[in-house]
Amino acid sequence: MSKIINSEWQSTIMSKIYQHQEIDETISFRPASQWLIIQLTNVGISFKIFNLGLGVNRISTKTDICPCCRQKL
């Protein structure tokens, strides 16, 4: 059984990208993380990747706010 990215999740993310909404996703599935990074890069949206450990990443387009304390950087 091969692992594939959920197409509903992809559609939701793409609509957020095209509507210029904030994206803040916590992802443990590496292909999904790679896909999201590629999509954000292709349209020129700035993002940050926070390594949460054990293969879990948080990808956020909120580049001026700390994800832990919610204060401006």
PDB file of N, CA and C in Angstrom:
ATOM      1  N   MET A   1       0.850  -1.182   0.000  1.00  0.00           N
ATOM      2  CA  MET A   1       0.000   0.000   0.000  1.00  0.00           C
ATOM      3  C   MET A   1       0.893   1.242   0.000  1.00  0.00           C
ATOM      4  N   SER A   2       0.713   2.072  -1.002  1.00  0.00           N
ATOM      5  CA  SER A   2       1.502   3.300  -1.051  1.00  0.00           C
ATOM      6  C   SER A   2       0.741   4.420  -0.344  1.00  0.00           C
ATOM      7  N   LYS A   3       1.478   5.297   0.231  1.00  0.00           N
ATOM      8  CA  LYS A   3       0.881   6.425   0.948  1.00  0.00           C
ATOM      9  C   LYS A   3       0.759   7.604  -0.003  1.00  0.00           C
ATOM     10  N   ILE A   4      -0.428   8.191  -0.046  1.00  0.00           N
ATOM     11  CA  ILE A   4      -0.645   9.352  -0.906  1.00  0.00           C
ATOM     12  C   ILE A   4      -1.202  10.496  -0.062  1.00  0.00           C
ATOM     13  N   ILE A   5      -1.078  11.694  -0.575  1.00  0.00           N
ATOM     14  CA  ILE A   5      -1.566  12.884   0.121  1.00  0.00           C
ATOM     15  C   ILE A   5      -3.077  12.982  -0.086  1.00  0.00           C
ATOM     16  N   ASN A   6      -3.781  13.303   0.962  1.00  0.00           N
ATOM     17  CA  ASN A   6      -5.231  13.437   0.926  1.00  0.00           C
ATOM     18  C   ASN A   6      -5.619  14.565  -0.036  1.00  0.00           C
ATOM     19  N   SER A   7      -6.395  14.229  -1.053  1.00  0.00           N
ATOM     20  CA  SER A   7      -6.764  15.220  -2.076  1.00  0.00           C
ATOM     21  C   SER A   7      -7.695  16.299  -1.526  1.00  0.00           C
ATOM     22  N   GLU A   8      -8.517  15.973  -0.539  1.00  0.00           N
ATOM     23  CA  GLU A   8      -9.377  16.992   0.074  1.00  0.00           C
ATOM     24  C   GLU A   8      -8.534  18.023   0.817  1.00  0.00           C
ATOM     25  N   TRP A   9      -7.504  17.553   1.519  1.00  0.00           N
ATOM     26  CA  TRP A   9      -6.609  18.456   2.234  1.00  0.00           C
ATOM     27  C   TRP A   9      -5.879  19.358   1.232  1.00  0.00           C
ATOM     28  N   GLN A  10      -5.419  18.760   0.125  1.00  0.00           N
ATOM     29  CA  GLN A  10      -4.739  19.542  -0.903  1.00  0.00           C
ATOM     30  C   GLN A  10      -5.656  20.629  -1.459  1.00  0.00           C
ATOM     31  N   SER A  11      -6.901  20.297  -1.717  1.00  0.00           N
ATOM     32  CA  SER A  11      -7.854  21.278  -2.246  1.00  0.00           C
ATOM     33  C   SER A  11      -8.088  22.414  -1.255  1.00  0.00           C
ATOM     34  N   THR A  12      -8.203  22.060   0.026  1.00  0.00           N
ATOM     35  CA  THR A  12      -8.395  23.075   1.067  1.00  0.00           C
ATOM     36  C   THR A  12      -7.202  24.017   1.125  1.00  0.00           C
ATOM     37  N   ILE A  13      -6.008  23.463   1.096  1.00  0.00           N
ATOM     38  CA  ILE A  13      -4.788  24.274   1.150  1.00  0.00           C
ATOM     39  C   ILE A  13      -4.681  25.167  -0.085  1.00  0.00           C
ATOM     40  N   MET A  14      -4.976  24.616  -1.264  1.00  0.00           N
ATOM     41  CA  MET A  14      -4.878  25.409  -2.484  1.00  0.00           C
ATOM     42  C   MET A  14      -5.876  26.564  -2.468  1.00  0.00           C
ATOM     43  N   SER A  15      -7.073  26.345  -1.939  1.00  0.00           N
ATOM     44  CA  SER A  15      -8.040  27.447  -1.870  1.00  0.00           C
ATOM     45  C   SER A  15      -7.561  28.517  -0.889  1.00  0.00           C
ATOM     46  N   LYS A  16      -6.921  28.112   0.210  1.00  0.00           N
ATOM     47  CA  LYS A  16      -6.358  29.087   1.147  1.00  0.00           C
ATOM     48  C   LYS A  16      -5.252  29.894   0.475  1.00  0.00           C
ATOM     49  N   ILE A  17      -4.428  29.225  -0.305  1.00  0.00           N
ATOM     50  CA  ILE A  17      -3.332  29.906  -0.997  1.00  0.00           C
ATOM     51  C   ILE A  17      -3.882  30.938  -1.976  1.00  0.00           C
ATOM     52  N   TYR A  18      -4.847  30.551  -2.789  1.00  0.00           N
ATOM     53  CA  TYR A  18      -5.386  31.456  -3.806  1.00  0.00           C
ATOM     54  C   TYR A  18      -6.229  32.578  -3.211  1.00  0.00           C
ATOM     55  N   GLN A  19      -6.767  32.372  -2.005  1.00  0.00           N
ATOM     56  CA  GLN A  19      -7.537  33.416  -1.339  1.00  0.00           C
ATOM     57  C   GLN A  19      -6.668  34.236  -0.389  1.00  0.00           C
ATOM     58  N   HIS A  20      -5.363  33.986  -0.390  1.00  0.00           N
ATOM     59  CA  HIS A  20      -4.390  34.701   0.438  1.00  0.00           C
ATOM     60  C   HIS A  20      -4.737  34.615   1.929  1.00  0.00           C
ATOM     61  N   GLN A  21      -5.196  33.461   2.384  1.00  0.00           N
ATOM     62  CA  GLN A  21      -5.471  33.238   3.795  1.00  0.00           C
ATOM     63  C   GLN A  21      -4.213  32.704   4.465  1.00  0.00           C
ATOM     64  N   GLU A  22      -4.160  32.863   5.788  1.00  0.00           N
ATOM     65  CA  GLU A  22      -3.011  32.356   6.534  1.00  0.00           C
ATOM     66  C   GLU A  22      -3.054  30.836   6.574  1.00  0.00           C
ATOM     67  N   ILE A  23      -1.880  30.250   6.517  1.00  0.00           N
ATOM     68  CA  ILE A  23      -1.748  28.795   6.610  1.00  0.00           C
ATOM     69  C   ILE A  23      -0.894  28.494   7.818  1.00  0.00           C
ATOM     70  N   ASP A  24      -1.361  27.593   8.659  1.00  0.00           N
ATOM     71  CA  ASP A  24      -0.631  27.163   9.848  1.00  0.00           C
ATOM     72  C   ASP A  24      -0.944  25.680  10.045  1.00  0.00           C
ATOM     73  N   GLU A  25      -0.102  24.835   9.464  1.00  0.00           N
ATOM     74  CA  GLU A  25      -0.346  23.394   9.449  1.00  0.00           C
ATOM     75  C   GLU A  25       0.741  22.652  10.219  1.00  0.00           C
ATOM     76  N   THR A  26       0.322  21.701  11.036  1.00  0.00           N
ATOM     77  CA  THR A  26       1.241  20.791  11.714  1.00  0.00           C
ATOM     78  C   THR A  26       1.157  19.464  10.990  1.00  0.00           C
ATOM     79  N   ILE A  27       2.291  19.029  10.428  1.00  0.00           N
ATOM     80  CA  ILE A  27       2.295  17.871   9.530  1.00  0.00           C
ATOM     81  C   ILE A  27       3.380  16.887   9.936  1.00  0.00           C
ATOM     82  N   SER A  28       3.022  15.603   9.973  1.00  0.00           N
ATOM     83  CA  SER A  28       4.018  14.562  10.234  1.00  0.00           C
ATOM     84  C   SER A  28       4.287  13.712   8.996  1.00  0.00           C
ATOM     85  N   PHE A  29       3.497  13.885   7.951  1.00  0.00           N
ATOM     86  CA  PHE A  29       3.643  13.122   6.711  1.00  0.00           C
ATOM     87  C   PHE A  29       4.555  13.892   5.763  1.00  0.00           C
ATOM     88  N   ARG A  30       5.781  13.415   5.589  1.00  0.00           N
ATOM     89  CA  ARG A  30       6.818  14.145   4.850  1.00  0.00           C
ATOM     90  C   ARG A  30       6.396  14.549   3.434  1.00  0.00           C
ATOM     91  N   PRO A  31       5.774  13.669   2.644  1.00  0.00           N
ATOM     92  CA  PRO A  31       5.353  14.100   1.301  1.00  0.00           C
ATOM     93  C   PRO A  31       4.360  15.267   1.329  1.00  0.00           C
ATOM     94  N   ALA A  32       3.504  15.334   2.333  1.00  0.00           N
ATOM     95  CA  ALA A  32       2.566  16.452   2.452  1.00  0.00           C
ATOM     96  C   ALA A  32       3.318  17.742   2.770  1.00  0.00           C
ATOM     97  N   SER A  33       4.315  17.652   3.642  1.00  0.00           N
ATOM     98  CA  SER A  33       5.137  18.828   3.962  1.00  0.00           C
ATOM     99  C   SER A  33       5.855  19.333   2.713  1.00  0.00           C
ATOM    100  N   GLN A  34       6.431  18.411   1.962  1.00  0.00           N
ATOM    101  CA  GLN A  34       7.148  18.783   0.746  1.00  0.00           C
ATOM    102  C   GLN A  34       6.202  19.422  -0.262  1.00  0.00           C
ATOM    103  N   TRP A  35       5.010  18.857  -0.416  1.00  0.00           N
ATOM    104  CA  TRP A  35       4.031  19.398  -1.351  1.00  0.00           C
ATOM    105  C   TRP A  35       3.640  20.825  -0.961  1.00  0.00           C
ATOM    106  N   LEU A  36       3.374  21.038   0.329  1.00  0.00           N
ATOM    107  CA  LEU A  36       2.970  22.362   0.806  1.00  0.00           C
ATOM    108  C   LEU A  36       4.079  23.386   0.580  1.00  0.00           C
ATOM    109  N   ILE A  37       5.312  23.017   0.864  1.00  0.00           N
ATOM    110  CA  ILE A  37       6.444  23.928   0.664  1.00  0.00           C
ATOM    111  C   ILE A  37       6.585  24.288  -0.811  1.00  0.00           C
ATOM    112  N   ILE A  38       6.434  23.321  -1.686  1.00  0.00           N
ATOM    113  CA  ILE A  38       6.527  23.576  -3.129  1.00  0.00           C
ATOM    114  C   ILE A  38       5.425  24.529  -3.573  1.00  0.00           C
ATOM    115  N   GLN A  39       4.203  24.314  -3.106  1.00  0.00           N
ATOM    116  CA  GLN A  39       3.084  25.179  -3.503  1.00  0.00           C
ATOM    117  C   GLN A  39       3.298  26.612  -3.027  1.00  0.00           C
ATOM    118  N   LEU A  40       3.734  26.781  -1.790  1.00  0.00           N
ATOM    119  CA  LEU A  40       3.975  28.128  -1.263  1.00  0.00           C
ATOM    120  C   LEU A  40       5.108  28.825  -2.009  1.00  0.00           C
ATOM    121  N   THR A  41       6.133  28.077  -2.337  1.00  0.00           N
ATOM    122  CA  THR A  41       7.274  28.631  -3.065  1.00  0.00           C
ATOM    123  C   THR A  41       6.871  29.036  -4.481  1.00  0.00           C
ATOM    124  N   ASN A  42       6.053  28.220  -5.123  1.00  0.00           N
ATOM    125  CA  ASN A  42       5.636  28.503  -6.504  1.00  0.00           C
ATOM    126  C   ASN A  42       4.869  29.809  -6.633  1.00  0.00           C
ATOM    127  N   VAL A  43       4.098  30.173  -5.612  1.00  0.00           N
ATOM    128  CA  VAL A  43       3.321  31.423  -5.699  1.00  0.00           C
ATOM    129  C   VAL A  43       3.985  32.577  -4.946  1.00  0.00           C
ATOM    130  N   GLY A  44       5.165  32.342  -4.381  1.00  0.00           N
ATOM    131  CA  GLY A  44       5.927  33.416  -3.746  1.00  0.00           C
ATOM    132  C   GLY A  44       5.424  33.839  -2.383  1.00  0.00           C
ATOM    133  N   ILE A  45       4.831  32.925  -1.634  1.00  0.00           N
ATOM    134  CA  ILE A  45       4.347  33.241  -0.294  1.00  0.00           C
ATOM    135  C   ILE A  45       5.441  32.899   0.719  1.00  0.00           C
ATOM    136  N   SER A  46       5.755  33.848   1.599  1.00  0.00           N
ATOM    137  CA  SER A  46       6.754  33.617   2.649  1.00  0.00           C
ATOM    138  C   SER A  46       6.187  32.677   3.700  1.00  0.00           C
ATOM    139  N   PHE A  47       7.049  31.825   4.244  1.00  0.00           N
ATOM    140  CA  PHE A  47       6.617  30.869   5.257  1.00  0.00           C
ATOM    141  C   PHE A  47       7.785  30.523   6.160  1.00  0.00           C
ATOM    142  N   LYS A  48       7.479  29.935   7.301  1.00  0.00           N
ATOM    143  CA  LYS A  48       8.491  29.441   8.223  1.00  0.00           C
ATOM    144  C   LYS A  48       8.188  27.982   8.514  1.00  0.00           C
ATOM    145  N   ILE A  49       9.256  27.228   8.730  1.00  0.00           N
ATOM    146  CA  ILE A  49       9.123  25.827   9.096  1.00  0.00           C
ATOM    147  C   ILE A  49       9.684  25.668  10.504  1.00  0.00           C
ATOM    148  N   PHE A  50       8.858  25.150  11.400  1.00  0.00           N
ATOM    149  CA  PHE A  50       9.270  24.900  12.769  1.00  0.00           C
ATOM    150  C   PHE A  50       9.364  23.395  12.959  1.00  0.00           C
ATOM    151  N   ASN A  51      10.557  22.906  13.310  1.00  0.00           N
ATOM    152  CA  ASN A  51      10.751  21.484  13.562  1.00  0.00           C
ATOM    153  C   ASN A  51      10.318  21.197  14.992  1.00  0.00           C
ATOM    154  N   LEU A  52       9.252  20.417  15.145  1.00  0.00           N
ATOM    155  CA  LEU A  52       8.723  20.103  16.463  1.00  0.00           C
ATOM    156  C   LEU A  52       9.302  18.827  17.039  1.00  0.00           C
ATOM    157  N   GLY A  53      10.116  18.135  16.272  1.00  0.00           N
ATOM    158  CA  GLY A  53      10.738  16.902  16.726  1.00  0.00           C
ATOM    159  C   GLY A  53       9.998  15.670  16.242  1.00  0.00           C
ATOM    160  N   LEU A  54      10.713  14.537  16.221  1.00  0.00           N
ATOM    161  CA  LEU A  54      10.165  13.246  15.811  1.00  0.00           C
ATOM    162  C   LEU A  54       9.501  13.283  14.441  1.00  0.00           C
ATOM    163  N   GLY A  55      10.028  14.108  13.538  1.00  0.00           N
ATOM    164  CA  GLY A  55       9.523  14.163  12.174  1.00  0.00           C
ATOM    165  C   GLY A  55       8.281  15.005  11.985  1.00  0.00           C
ATOM    166  N   VAL A  56       7.921  15.796  12.982  1.00  0.00           N
ATOM    167  CA  VAL A  56       6.733  16.646  12.889  1.00  0.00           C
ATOM    168  C   VAL A  56       7.179  18.084  12.616  1.00  0.00           C
ATOM    169  N   ASN A  57       6.574  18.705  11.608  1.00  0.00           N
ATOM    170  CA  ASN A  57       6.881  20.083  11.246  1.00  0.00           C
ATOM    171  C   ASN A  57       5.631  20.932  11.326  1.00  0.00           C
ATOM    172  N   ARG A  58       5.835  22.181  11.661  1.00  0.00           N
ATOM    173  CA  ARG A  58       4.751  23.154  11.614  1.00  0.00           C
ATOM    174  C   ARG A  58       5.143  24.167  10.561  1.00  0.00           C
ATOM    175  N   ILE A  59       4.293  24.309   9.549  1.00  0.00           N
ATOM    176  CA  ILE A  59       4.552  25.229   8.449  1.00  0.00           C
ATOM    177  C   ILE A  59       3.538  26.353   8.552  1.00  0.00           C
ATOM    178  N   SER A  60       4.042  27.581   8.636  1.00  0.00           N
ATOM    179  CA  SER A  60       3.169  28.715   8.881  1.00  0.00           C
ATOM    180  C   SER A  60       3.525  29.887   7.975  1.00  0.00           C
ATOM    181  N   THR A  61       2.493  30.565   7.494  1.00  0.00           N
ATOM    182  CA  THR A  61       2.714  31.780   6.718  1.00  0.00           C
ATOM    183  C   THR A  61       2.724  33.010   7.617  1.00  0.00           C
ATOM    184  N   LYS A  62       2.529  32.802   8.909  1.00  0.00           N
ATOM    185  CA  LYS A  62       2.626  33.900   9.884  1.00  0.00           C
ATOM    186  C   LYS A  62       4.095  34.039  10.261  1.00  0.00           C
ATOM    187  N   THR A  63       4.827  34.784   9.479  1.00  0.00           N
ATOM    188  CA  THR A  63       6.274  34.848   9.660  1.00  0.00           C
ATOM    189  C   THR A  63       6.719  35.873  10.689  1.00  0.00           C
ATOM    190  N   ASP A  64       5.801  36.693  11.193  1.00  0.00           N
ATOM    191  CA  ASP A  64       6.193  37.717  12.152  1.00  0.00           C
ATOM    192  C   ASP A  64       5.686  37.453  13.563  1.00  0.00           C
ATOM    193  N   ILE A  65       5.122  36.247  13.812  1.00  0.00           N
ATOM    194  CA  ILE A  65       4.575  35.905  15.120  1.00  0.00           C
ATOM    195  C   ILE A  65       5.199  34.591  15.599  1.00  0.00           C
ATOM    196  N   CYS A  66       5.622  34.565  16.851  1.00  0.00           N
ATOM    197  CA  CYS A  66       6.182  33.358  17.451  1.00  0.00           C
ATOM    198  C   CYS A  66       5.035  32.350  17.661  1.00  0.00           C
ATOM    199  N   PRO A  67       5.183  31.110  17.189  1.00  0.00           N
ATOM    200  CA  PRO A  67       4.098  30.140  17.331  1.00  0.00           C
ATOM    201  C   PRO A  67       3.893  29.674  18.771  1.00  0.00           C
ATOM    202  N   CYS A  68       4.889  29.869  19.598  1.00  0.00           N
ATOM    203  CA  CYS A  68       4.773  29.406  20.990  1.00  0.00           C
ATOM    204  C   CYS A  68       4.100  30.441  21.878  1.00  0.00           C
ATOM    205  N   CYS A  69       4.610  31.670  21.874  1.00  0.00           N
ATOM    206  CA  CYS A  69       4.093  32.691  22.784  1.00  0.00           C
ATOM    207  C   CYS A  69       3.148  33.675  22.116  1.00  0.00           C
ATOM    208  N   ARG A  70       2.990  33.580  20.781  1.00  0.00           N
ATOM    209  CA  ARG A  70       2.075  34.426  20.002  1.00  0.00           C
ATOM    210  C   ARG A  70       2.435  35.920  20.043  1.00  0.00           C
ATOM    211  N   GLN A  71       3.695  36.238  20.318  1.00  0.00           N
ATOM    212  CA  GLN A  71       4.131  37.629  20.323  1.00  0.00           C
ATOM    213  C   GLN A  71       4.860  37.940  19.027  1.00  0.00           C
ATOM    214  N   LYS A  72       4.840  39.228  18.655  1.00  0.00           N
ATOM    215  CA  LYS A  72       5.539  39.648  17.432  1.00  0.00           C
ATOM    216  C   LYS A  72       7.032  39.447  17.591  1.00  0.00           C
ATOM    217  N   LEU A  73       7.667  39.046  16.490  1.00  0.00           N
ATOM    218  CA  LEU A  73       9.119  38.857  16.495  1.00  0.00           C
ATOM    219  C   LEU A  73       9.810  40.157  16.143  1.00  0.00           C
TER     220      LEU A  73
END
